Amino acid sequence: MAKRGWRGARVAGLAVMLSWFCTSGSSDAQTAPSPTTDTPAGYLVFPKIVVDTLGVCPDGSDCSRDGTCANAQPCEKTDTVIQLTNVAGYARSVHCSYVDGSEWRVRNGGLDLTPKQPAAWNASTGVDVRGTGAKKLPPLGPRFTGELKCVQSDPQDVAVPTRAHDLNGKATIIRVAGGPSGRVDASSYNAIGFRPKEVSPKEPPDIMLSSLKCQGGTNAGGACTRPGSSSDPACPGGTCGVTMCLGATANSRECATANYGGCATILILNHFFDQEVSQPFTTTRLTLVPCSEDLPLDPAVLPPSTVVQLLVFNEFEQRLSSSMRLNCYREVQLSDIDSPGAHRFSMFNYAVQGTLVGQTRMRPVLGPDTTTGHGVLAVAEEFHGSQSAAFNLNEQGSDELRNKGDFVRYVPSF
C-alpha cells in the first residue's frame, strides 16, 4: 500500500509552486456554498465503487475457476469497503443508491444508524444493519463499477430528505493478488458531501416536503405528497418522487430554489505526469461522475452529455489544453484522454511535458441546456507500480454563481 507520507513528500514542491492556482478565485467563489470532503453533510457521493470477485489476470483475461492465471501469474480480485458514520447524538436514517456505470441502472437501499454509530461493509456482500431485511443495501457483483449516493432521510419515510447534515463517509478500494506473494493494496478517499441550505432547529430535523415533485405526467415538477406512488392525484400520468436541488436555476420549475449547496465550477488535480518507460510505472486514473442524475435510470436513455475542458500546467507554467465528454460515468487514465493507446505522445506524459509533476484544471461547459448546471464530481487514483493511493480533488467556485443548479431525481424503491 502506498503511504501518503511518501507521496506527500514528493509533491510538496508542487503544492508550493502551484499554490497561486488554488487561491486565485474570486471572493464570491470562496464564500459560496460548495461540496465538502472533511465535514459532515446531508448528501454524500462516493464516485468510485469497484467490485470484481471473479478476478482478473495481468494480461486482462479472467481468472480460471480455481483462481489462477497462466504462467503462475497472480489473480487479482477487488472489493470496496464503504464506511458511513452518524456523527449526531440521535438515530439517523439513510437512503442510498448504487449507480452502475457500465449497465446504467440503479440499485436502491437504506439503513438506520444509532447515535454516533459508524457502519462499514464490503460492497460485494452488502449490509443489513437492522437484521430484519426491511432496510438494507444489496450486494454487488460479481463485477460492478460505478458510484454510490446516500442522503440523510426521514426515519418514518426513508424517501424524504431531512434538513440535517450528520453523515461522514469514506471508501477504500482493496485489491488482493493470489499466489505466493499474497499482495494486498488499499487506497482510500473521502465521500463528497453536500449540506442542506437550511438546517432544522428541531430534533428530529424537519423533512424537506418541498423536495417531493411529480416526475413525468402532465404535472411534472409540481408538488406532491406520496413519495414512490404512481397514484398520487397530484401527479396524473406520473410518479411522486424526490428532487434534490444542488443550487438553483431561475427558469427551472423543479429547482428554482436550492435545498443543497451547488457543485463546484472548477476541479483541480495536482498529479504526476504518466511515466511508462521504466519500472515501476507511475500513472494516474481519473473518475468522473455528473452532479445531475435521474434515478431510477432508463438503460435506453443516457443523460445529457457534458463537455469537460482541461487546462494542463507543468512546472514551467507552460499550458496545454484538451477536452473530453462525460455521460453517466467515466474512468480513464490521464494519457488516454488525449492520446488513447499512444501514451508517449500524450500531453499527460512526463517526456512530453519535460517535468515530473503538474496541475490539471477541469471546467464543465454549460452548453445550451437550461435545465442543469452540468456540474462534475471526481476522485483520482495514483498507481506506482503495484501500489496505489486514492485522493479527492480540490474545488473552486460554485455553479450557483452562474445561476445554474444541478439536481438528483429518484423514485424510492426497495
Protein backbone atom coordinates (compact mmCIF):
# COMPACT_ATOMS: atom_id res chain seq x y z
CA MET A 1 0.00 0.00 0.00
CA ALA A 2 1.43 3.38 -0.97
CA LYS A 3 1.95 5.63 2.03
CA ARG A 4 0.54 9.13 1.90
CA GLY A 5 3.60 10.50 3.70
CA TRP A 6 5.85 9.24 0.91
CA ARG A 7 3.60 10.71 -1.73
CA GLY A 8 3.22 13.96 0.15
CA ALA A 9 7.00 14.41 0.37
CA ARG A 10 7.40 14.07 -3.38
CA VAL A 11 4.67 16.58 -4.24
CA ALA A 12 5.45 19.14 -1.53
CA GLY A 13 7.28 21.28 -4.05
CA LEU A 14 4.31 21.09 -6.40
CA ALA A 15 1.93 22.31 -3.70
CA VAL A 16 4.11 25.35 -3.02
CA MET A 17 4.86 26.07 -6.66
CA LEU A 18 1.23 25.95 -7.80
CA SER A 19 -0.45 27.34 -4.69
CA TRP A 20 -1.45 30.52 -6.52
CA PHE A 21 -3.65 28.47 -8.85
CA CYS A 22 -5.83 27.39 -5.92
CA THR A 23 -6.16 30.83 -4.37
CA SER A 24 -6.79 32.89 -7.46
CA GLY A 25 -10.60 32.58 -7.32
CA SER A 26 -12.88 35.50 -6.62
CA SER A 27 -14.12 36.31 -3.13
CA ASP A 28 -17.58 35.18 -4.26
CA ALA A 29 -16.18 31.76 -5.12
CA GLN A 30 -14.59 31.48 -1.70
CA THR A 31 -17.79 32.28 0.19
CA ALA A 32 -20.29 30.37 -1.95
CA PRO A 33 -21.61 27.00 -0.71
CA SER A 34 -19.52 24.17 -2.11
CA PRO A 35 -19.09 20.42 -1.66
CA THR A 36 -17.09 19.21 1.32
CA THR A 37 -14.92 16.15 1.96
CA ASP A 38 -13.90 16.74 5.58
CA THR A 39 -17.06 17.87 7.42
CA PRO A 40 -20.44 16.15 8.00
CA ALA A 41 -23.05 16.52 5.27
CA GLY A 42 -26.62 15.54 4.47
CA TYR A 43 -25.97 14.11 0.99
CA LEU A 44 -22.87 12.05 0.16
CA VAL A 45 -21.45 10.87 -3.17
CA PHE A 46 -18.86 8.09 -3.49
CA PRO A 47 -17.75 8.48 -7.15
CA LYS A 48 -15.78 5.22 -7.41
CA ILE A 49 -17.04 1.86 -6.15
CA VAL A 50 -15.33 -1.20 -7.67
CA VAL A 51 -16.14 -4.90 -7.18
CA ASP A 52 -14.57 -7.86 -9.00
CA THR A 53 -14.94 -11.13 -7.11
CA LEU A 54 -14.15 -13.21 -10.21
CA GLY A 55 -10.65 -11.77 -10.54
CA VAL A 56 -8.54 -10.63 -13.45
CA CYS A 57 -5.09 -11.73 -14.68
CA PRO A 58 -2.19 -9.35 -15.50
CA ASP A 59 -2.92 -9.73 -19.23
CA GLY A 60 -6.53 -8.63 -18.70
CA SER A 61 -8.10 -12.07 -19.04
CA ASP A 62 -10.44 -13.60 -16.46
CA CYS A 63 -9.04 -15.84 -13.77
CA SER A 64 -9.73 -19.55 -14.04
CA ARG A 65 -12.27 -21.27 -11.80
CA ASP A 66 -9.58 -22.27 -9.33
CA GLY A 67 -8.39 -18.64 -9.08
CA THR A 68 -5.16 -19.00 -11.08
CA CYS A 69 -3.69 -17.45 -14.23
CA ALA A 70 -1.37 -18.70 -16.95
CA ASN A 71 2.36 -18.93 -16.13
CA ALA A 72 1.57 -18.87 -12.41
CA GLN A 73 0.74 -15.16 -12.58
CA PRO A 74 -1.29 -13.79 -9.62
CA CYS A 75 -5.05 -13.42 -9.96
CA GLU A 76 -6.20 -10.04 -8.60
CA LYS A 77 -9.61 -9.56 -7.00
CA THR A 78 -11.11 -6.23 -5.98
CA ASP A 79 -13.65 -5.04 -3.44
CA THR A 80 -14.60 -1.71 -1.89
CA VAL A 81 -15.13 -1.16 1.83
CA ILE A 82 -17.65 1.61 2.46
CA GLN A 83 -17.68 3.49 5.78
CA LEU A 84 -20.62 5.63 6.83
CA THR A 85 -20.79 7.40 10.20
CA ASN A 86 -23.63 9.17 12.00
CA VAL A 87 -21.93 11.95 14.00
CA ALA A 88 -25.17 13.08 15.70
CA GLY A 89 -26.30 12.13 19.18
CA TYR A 90 -29.59 10.89 17.71
CA ALA A 91 -30.57 7.99 15.45
CA ARG A 92 -30.47 8.72 11.74
CA SER A 93 -31.82 7.03 8.60
CA VAL A 94 -30.08 6.95 5.22
CA HIS A 95 -31.36 6.30 1.69
CA CYS A 96 -28.68 5.06 -0.74
CA SER A 97 -28.49 4.32 -4.47
CA TYR A 98 -25.77 2.39 -6.28
CA VAL A 99 -25.43 3.67 -9.86
CA ASP A 100 -23.94 1.08 -12.24
CA GLY A 101 -21.62 2.91 -14.64
CA SER A 102 -21.41 0.05 -17.15
CA GLU A 103 -25.03 -1.15 -17.31
CA TRP A 104 -26.58 2.25 -16.45
CA ARG A 105 -29.02 1.07 -13.82
CA VAL A 106 -29.64 1.78 -10.15
CA ARG A 107 -30.00 -0.38 -7.02
CA ASN A 108 -31.67 1.29 -4.05
CA GLY A 109 -31.39 0.54 -0.36
CA GLY A 110 -31.38 2.13 3.05
CA LEU A 111 -30.22 1.68 6.61
CA ASP A 112 -30.70 3.03 10.13
CA LEU A 113 -27.81 4.29 12.23
CA THR A 114 -27.91 4.60 16.01
CA PRO A 115 -26.44 7.69 17.76
CA LYS A 116 -22.73 8.17 16.96
CA GLN A 117 -22.70 4.87 15.06
CA PRO A 118 -20.07 4.05 12.44
CA ALA A 119 -21.04 1.39 9.90
CA ALA A 120 -18.77 -0.39 7.41
CA TRP A 121 -19.44 -3.08 4.82
CA ASN A 122 -18.00 -4.69 1.72
CA ALA A 123 -19.78 -3.55 -1.42
CA SER A 124 -19.66 -7.14 -2.71
CA THR A 125 -21.69 -8.52 0.21
CA GLY A 126 -23.97 -5.61 1.08
CA VAL A 127 -25.30 -4.84 4.55
CA ASP A 128 -28.40 -5.43 6.67
CA VAL A 129 -27.88 -3.17 9.69
CA ARG A 130 -31.17 -3.91 11.45
CA GLY A 131 -31.12 -7.60 10.63
CA THR A 132 -34.79 -7.56 9.59
CA GLY A 133 -34.30 -7.09 5.86
CA ALA A 134 -36.61 -4.06 5.90
CA LYS A 135 -33.77 -1.62 5.30
CA LYS A 136 -30.55 -2.85 3.75
CA LEU A 137 -28.08 -2.33 0.94
CA PRO A 138 -27.91 -5.01 -1.76
CA PRO A 139 -24.76 -7.00 -2.55
CA LEU A 140 -22.93 -6.08 -5.74
CA GLY A 141 -21.19 -8.39 -8.08
CA PRO A 142 -19.65 -10.44 -9.28
CA ARG A 143 -18.48 -7.31 -11.10
CA PHE A 144 -19.52 -3.71 -10.55
CA THR A 145 -18.03 -0.33 -11.40
CA GLY A 146 -20.00 2.77 -10.52
CA GLU A 147 -20.89 5.20 -7.77
CA LEU A 148 -22.88 5.36 -4.52
CA LYS A 149 -25.17 8.20 -3.43
CA CYS A 150 -26.54 8.44 0.14
CA VAL A 151 -28.89 11.05 1.60
CA GLN A 152 -29.93 11.60 5.21
CA SER A 153 -33.65 10.87 5.32
CA ASP A 154 -36.76 10.81 7.47
CA PRO A 155 -36.84 7.78 9.85
CA GLN A 156 -40.58 7.36 9.21
CA ASP A 157 -40.28 7.66 5.43
CA VAL A 158 -36.81 6.95 4.11
CA ALA A 159 -37.77 8.53 0.79
CA VAL A 160 -37.85 12.10 2.12
CA PRO A 161 -34.60 14.02 2.87
CA THR A 162 -34.24 15.92 6.14
CA ARG A 163 -32.74 19.34 6.87
CA ALA A 164 -29.67 17.97 8.63
CA HIS A 165 -26.00 17.17 7.98
CA ASP A 166 -24.80 14.33 10.20
CA LEU A 167 -23.05 11.93 7.79
CA ASN A 168 -19.39 11.28 7.11
CA GLY A 169 -18.22 8.75 4.53
CA LYS A 170 -15.10 7.05 3.19
CA ALA A 171 -14.44 4.39 0.55
CA THR A 172 -11.41 2.08 0.50
CA ILE A 173 -10.66 0.14 -2.70
CA ILE A 174 -8.86 -3.10 -1.82
CA ARG A 175 -7.02 -5.23 -4.39
CA VAL A 176 -5.80 -8.67 -3.35
CA ALA A 177 -3.48 -10.75 -5.54
CA GLY A 178 -3.28 -14.51 -5.08
CA GLY A 179 -0.20 -16.66 -5.34
CA PRO A 180 2.88 -16.81 -3.08
CA SER A 181 3.10 -13.04 -2.61
CA GLY A 182 -0.48 -12.57 -1.42
CA ARG A 183 -0.09 -8.87 -2.21
CA VAL A 184 -2.71 -6.52 -0.73
CA ASP A 185 -3.12 -2.91 -1.87
CA ALA A 186 -5.62 -0.41 -0.43
CA SER A 187 -6.41 3.17 -1.39
CA SER A 188 -8.98 5.44 0.30
CA TYR A 189 -10.82 8.66 -0.46
CA ASN A 190 -13.49 10.66 1.37
CA ALA A 191 -17.06 10.90 0.16
CA ILE A 192 -18.05 14.23 -1.39
CA GLY A 193 -20.71 15.84 0.78
CA PHE A 194 -23.41 18.47 0.26
CA ARG A 195 -25.05 20.35 3.11
CA PRO A 196 -28.71 21.43 3.07
CA LYS A 197 -29.27 25.14 2.58
CA GLU A 198 -31.35 25.37 5.75
CA VAL A 199 -30.79 23.22 8.83
CA SER A 200 -33.78 22.45 11.03
CA PRO A 201 -33.50 23.66 14.65
CA LYS A 202 -35.73 20.79 15.69
CA GLU A 203 -34.79 17.27 16.73
CA PRO A 204 -35.52 15.17 14.79
CA PRO A 205 -34.90 17.54 11.87
CA ASP A 206 -37.73 18.80 9.68
CA ILE A 207 -38.28 16.85 6.49
CA MET A 208 -37.97 18.55 3.09
CA LEU A 209 -41.55 18.31 1.84
CA SER A 210 -40.56 20.80 -0.86
CA SER A 211 -38.30 18.10 -2.35
CA LEU A 212 -41.30 15.95 -3.33
CA LYS A 213 -42.04 16.60 -7.00
CA CYS A 214 -44.07 14.94 -9.75
CA GLN A 215 -41.78 13.16 -12.18
CA GLY A 216 -43.34 12.76 -15.60
CA GLY A 217 -47.02 13.13 -16.46
CA THR A 218 -48.94 16.34 -17.04
CA ASN A 219 -47.80 17.98 -13.78
CA ALA A 220 -44.07 17.25 -13.97
CA GLY A 221 -42.27 19.45 -11.47
CA GLY A 222 -45.38 20.13 -9.42
CA ALA A 223 -45.65 19.42 -5.70
CA CYS A 224 -46.89 16.03 -4.45
CA THR A 225 -47.21 14.22 -1.11
CA ARG A 226 -46.95 10.46 -1.69
CA PRO A 227 -43.31 9.50 -2.40
CA GLY A 228 -42.94 6.46 -4.60
CA SER A 229 -46.62 6.44 -5.58
CA SER A 230 -47.82 6.42 -9.17
CA SER A 231 -51.40 7.02 -7.98
CA ASP A 232 -50.86 10.40 -6.34
CA PRO A 233 -53.76 12.58 -7.59
CA ALA A 234 -51.31 15.48 -7.88
CA CYS A 235 -49.27 13.53 -10.47
CA PRO A 236 -51.62 12.37 -13.25
CA GLY A 237 -49.64 10.11 -15.55
CA GLY A 238 -46.50 10.45 -13.45
CA THR A 239 -44.91 9.38 -10.17
CA CYS A 240 -44.31 11.25 -6.94
CA GLY A 241 -40.55 11.28 -6.37
CA VAL A 242 -37.78 13.27 -4.75
CA THR A 243 -35.91 16.10 -6.44
CA MET A 244 -32.78 17.31 -4.67
CA CYS A 245 -31.72 20.72 -5.98
CA LEU A 246 -27.96 21.30 -5.81
CA GLY A 247 -28.10 25.01 -6.42
CA ALA A 248 -30.91 26.79 -8.27
CA THR A 249 -31.80 27.58 -11.87
CA ALA A 250 -34.11 30.57 -12.21
CA ASN A 251 -36.14 29.29 -15.17
CA SER A 252 -36.49 25.75 -13.78
CA ARG A 253 -39.84 24.71 -12.33
CA GLU A 254 -38.28 21.98 -10.23
CA CYS A 255 -35.16 23.74 -8.97
CA ALA A 256 -35.95 27.45 -8.86
CA THR A 257 -34.92 27.26 -5.19
CA ALA A 258 -31.91 25.32 -3.92
CA ASN A 259 -32.18 22.93 -0.99
CA TYR A 260 -28.48 21.91 -1.09
CA GLY A 261 -25.27 23.73 -1.94
CA GLY A 262 -24.19 23.65 -5.57
CA CYS A 263 -21.42 21.73 -7.32
CA ALA A 264 -18.02 23.30 -7.93
CA THR A 265 -17.26 25.32 -11.06
CA ILE A 266 -13.65 24.09 -11.36
CA LEU A 267 -11.97 20.86 -10.23
CA ILE A 268 -8.22 21.00 -9.58
CA LEU A 269 -5.98 17.92 -9.78
CA ASN A 270 -2.31 18.04 -8.72
CA HIS A 271 -0.61 14.97 -10.17
CA PHE A 272 2.47 13.22 -11.52
CA PHE A 273 2.68 13.09 -15.27
CA ASP A 274 2.36 9.50 -16.50
CA GLN A 275 5.67 7.63 -16.75
CA GLU A 276 5.68 4.32 -18.59
CA VAL A 277 9.28 3.89 -19.72
CA SER A 278 10.79 2.31 -16.60
CA GLN A 279 9.64 0.25 -13.64
CA PRO A 280 7.73 0.93 -11.55
CA PHE A 281 5.26 2.70 -13.83
CA THR A 282 3.63 5.85 -12.43
CA THR A 283 0.14 6.59 -13.75
CA THR A 284 -2.99 8.41 -12.62
CA ARG A 285 -6.57 7.32 -13.25
CA LEU A 286 -9.37 9.86 -13.05
CA THR A 287 -13.01 9.00 -12.25
CA LEU A 288 -15.73 11.49 -13.22
CA VAL A 289 -19.47 11.41 -12.48
CA PRO A 290 -22.17 14.02 -13.21
CA CYS A 291 -23.72 16.08 -10.42
CA SER A 292 -27.16 15.74 -12.04
CA GLU A 293 -28.82 12.34 -12.42
CA ASP A 294 -32.26 10.87 -12.95
CA LEU A 295 -32.88 7.83 -10.72
CA PRO A 296 -34.18 5.24 -11.46
CA LEU A 297 -32.27 5.05 -14.71
CA ASP A 298 -33.50 4.11 -18.14
CA PRO A 299 -30.78 1.98 -19.80
CA ALA A 300 -32.06 3.07 -23.21
CA VAL A 301 -31.67 6.79 -22.46
CA LEU A 302 -28.33 8.30 -21.49
CA PRO A 303 -28.22 11.57 -19.55
CA PRO A 304 -27.26 14.82 -21.27
CA SER A 305 -23.63 14.82 -22.35
CA THR A 306 -21.25 17.21 -20.59
CA VAL A 307 -18.08 18.55 -22.19
CA VAL A 308 -15.26 18.95 -19.67
CA GLN A 309 -12.49 21.38 -20.63
CA LEU A 310 -8.98 20.72 -19.27
CA LEU A 311 -6.07 23.09 -18.79
CA VAL A 312 -2.77 21.33 -18.02
CA PHE A 313 0.17 23.20 -16.46
CA ASN A 314 3.69 21.88 -15.95
CA GLU A 315 6.36 23.15 -13.54
CA PHE A 316 7.44 25.83 -16.03
CA GLU A 317 3.86 27.20 -16.06
CA GLN A 318 3.51 26.16 -19.68
CA ARG A 319 -0.11 25.43 -20.59
CA LEU A 320 -1.77 22.89 -22.86
CA SER A 321 -5.49 22.18 -23.24
CA SER A 322 -7.82 19.33 -24.12
CA SER A 323 -11.41 18.24 -23.55
CA MET A 324 -13.48 15.11 -23.02
CA ARG A 325 -17.14 14.09 -22.81
CA LEU A 326 -18.97 12.67 -19.82
CA ASN A 327 -22.36 10.97 -19.90
CA CYS A 328 -23.04 8.80 -16.88
CA TYR A 329 -19.66 7.57 -15.62
CA ARG A 330 -16.09 7.73 -16.86
CA GLU A 331 -12.87 6.24 -15.52
CA VAL A 332 -9.79 6.99 -17.61
CA GLN A 333 -6.01 7.06 -17.36
CA LEU A 334 -4.81 10.61 -17.91
CA SER A 335 -2.76 9.70 -21.01
CA ASP A 336 -5.85 8.16 -22.63
CA ILE A 337 -7.76 11.45 -22.52
CA ASP A 338 -5.95 13.00 -25.49
CA SER A 339 -3.91 10.09 -26.87
CA PRO A 340 -5.69 6.71 -26.45
CA GLY A 341 -3.30 3.81 -26.95
CA ALA A 342 -0.33 6.09 -27.70
CA HIS A 343 0.60 7.35 -24.26
CA ARG A 344 4.09 8.55 -25.15
CA PHE A 345 2.53 11.28 -27.33
CA SER A 346 0.11 12.46 -24.66
CA MET A 347 0.37 15.86 -23.02
CA PHE A 348 0.00 13.95 -19.73
CA ASN A 349 3.28 12.08 -20.38
CA TYR A 350 6.29 13.36 -18.47
CA ALA A 351 8.56 13.11 -21.54
CA VAL A 352 6.25 15.43 -23.47
CA GLN A 353 5.94 17.93 -20.63
CA GLY A 354 9.59 17.78 -19.55
CA THR A 355 8.63 17.94 -15.86
CA LEU A 356 7.71 15.33 -13.28
CA VAL A 357 4.54 16.90 -11.89
CA GLY A 358 1.79 19.28 -12.97
CA GLN A 359 -1.71 20.52 -12.38
CA THR A 360 -4.91 19.96 -14.36
CA ARG A 361 -7.90 22.29 -14.00
CA MET A 362 -11.25 20.89 -15.19
CA ARG A 363 -14.27 23.04 -16.01
CA PRO A 364 -17.60 21.61 -17.25
CA VAL A 365 -19.15 23.53 -20.14
CA LEU A 366 -22.74 24.66 -19.58
CA GLY A 367 -23.88 24.41 -23.19
CA PRO A 368 -27.40 25.28 -24.44
CA ASP A 369 -29.21 23.08 -21.90
CA THR A 370 -31.03 25.40 -19.46
CA THR A 371 -32.25 22.74 -17.03
CA THR A 372 -28.97 21.78 -15.36
CA GLY A 373 -25.62 23.25 -14.41
CA HIS A 374 -23.69 20.26 -15.83
CA GLY A 375 -21.58 20.04 -12.67
CA VAL A 376 -18.99 17.27 -12.30
CA LEU A 377 -17.62 15.33 -9.31
CA ALA A 378 -14.33 13.43 -9.36
CA VAL A 379 -11.72 11.39 -7.47
CA ALA A 380 -8.31 10.16 -8.63
CA GLU A 381 -6.05 7.16 -8.02
CA GLU A 382 -2.28 7.18 -8.44
CA PHE A 383 -0.52 3.93 -9.28
CA HIS A 384 3.19 3.47 -8.55
CA GLY A 385 3.79 0.02 -9.95
CA SER A 386 1.51 -2.30 -7.93
CA GLN A 387 0.90 0.30 -5.20
CA SER A 388 -1.83 2.90 -5.28
CA ALA A 389 -3.23 5.91 -3.43
CA ALA A 390 -6.65 7.48 -3.93
CA PHE A 391 -7.44 11.11 -3.16
CA ASN A 392 -10.01 13.84 -3.58
CA LEU A 393 -9.62 16.81 -5.90
CA ASN A 394 -9.56 20.46 -4.89
CA GLU A 395 -12.62 22.54 -5.82
CA GLN A 396 -13.17 26.16 -6.71
CA GLY A 397 -16.27 28.30 -7.15
CA SER A 398 -19.88 27.20 -7.45
CA ASP A 399 -22.28 26.80 -10.35
CA GLU A 400 -24.78 28.73 -8.27
CA LEU A 401 -22.83 31.87 -9.14
CA ARG A 402 -23.75 31.23 -12.78
CA ASN A 403 -27.40 30.64 -11.87
CA LYS A 404 -27.11 27.01 -12.92
CA GLY A 405 -28.12 24.38 -10.40
CA ASP A 406 -27.84 20.60 -10.65
CA PHE A 407 -30.42 18.06 -9.49
CA VAL A 408 -30.83 14.46 -8.42
CA ARG A 409 -34.23 12.89 -9.02
CA TYR A 410 -35.24 9.48 -7.69
CA VAL A 411 -38.32 7.40 -7.03
CA PRO A 412 -37.64 5.32 -3.86
CA SER A 413 -37.95 1.55 -4.21
CA PHE A 414 -36.53 -1.33 -2.21
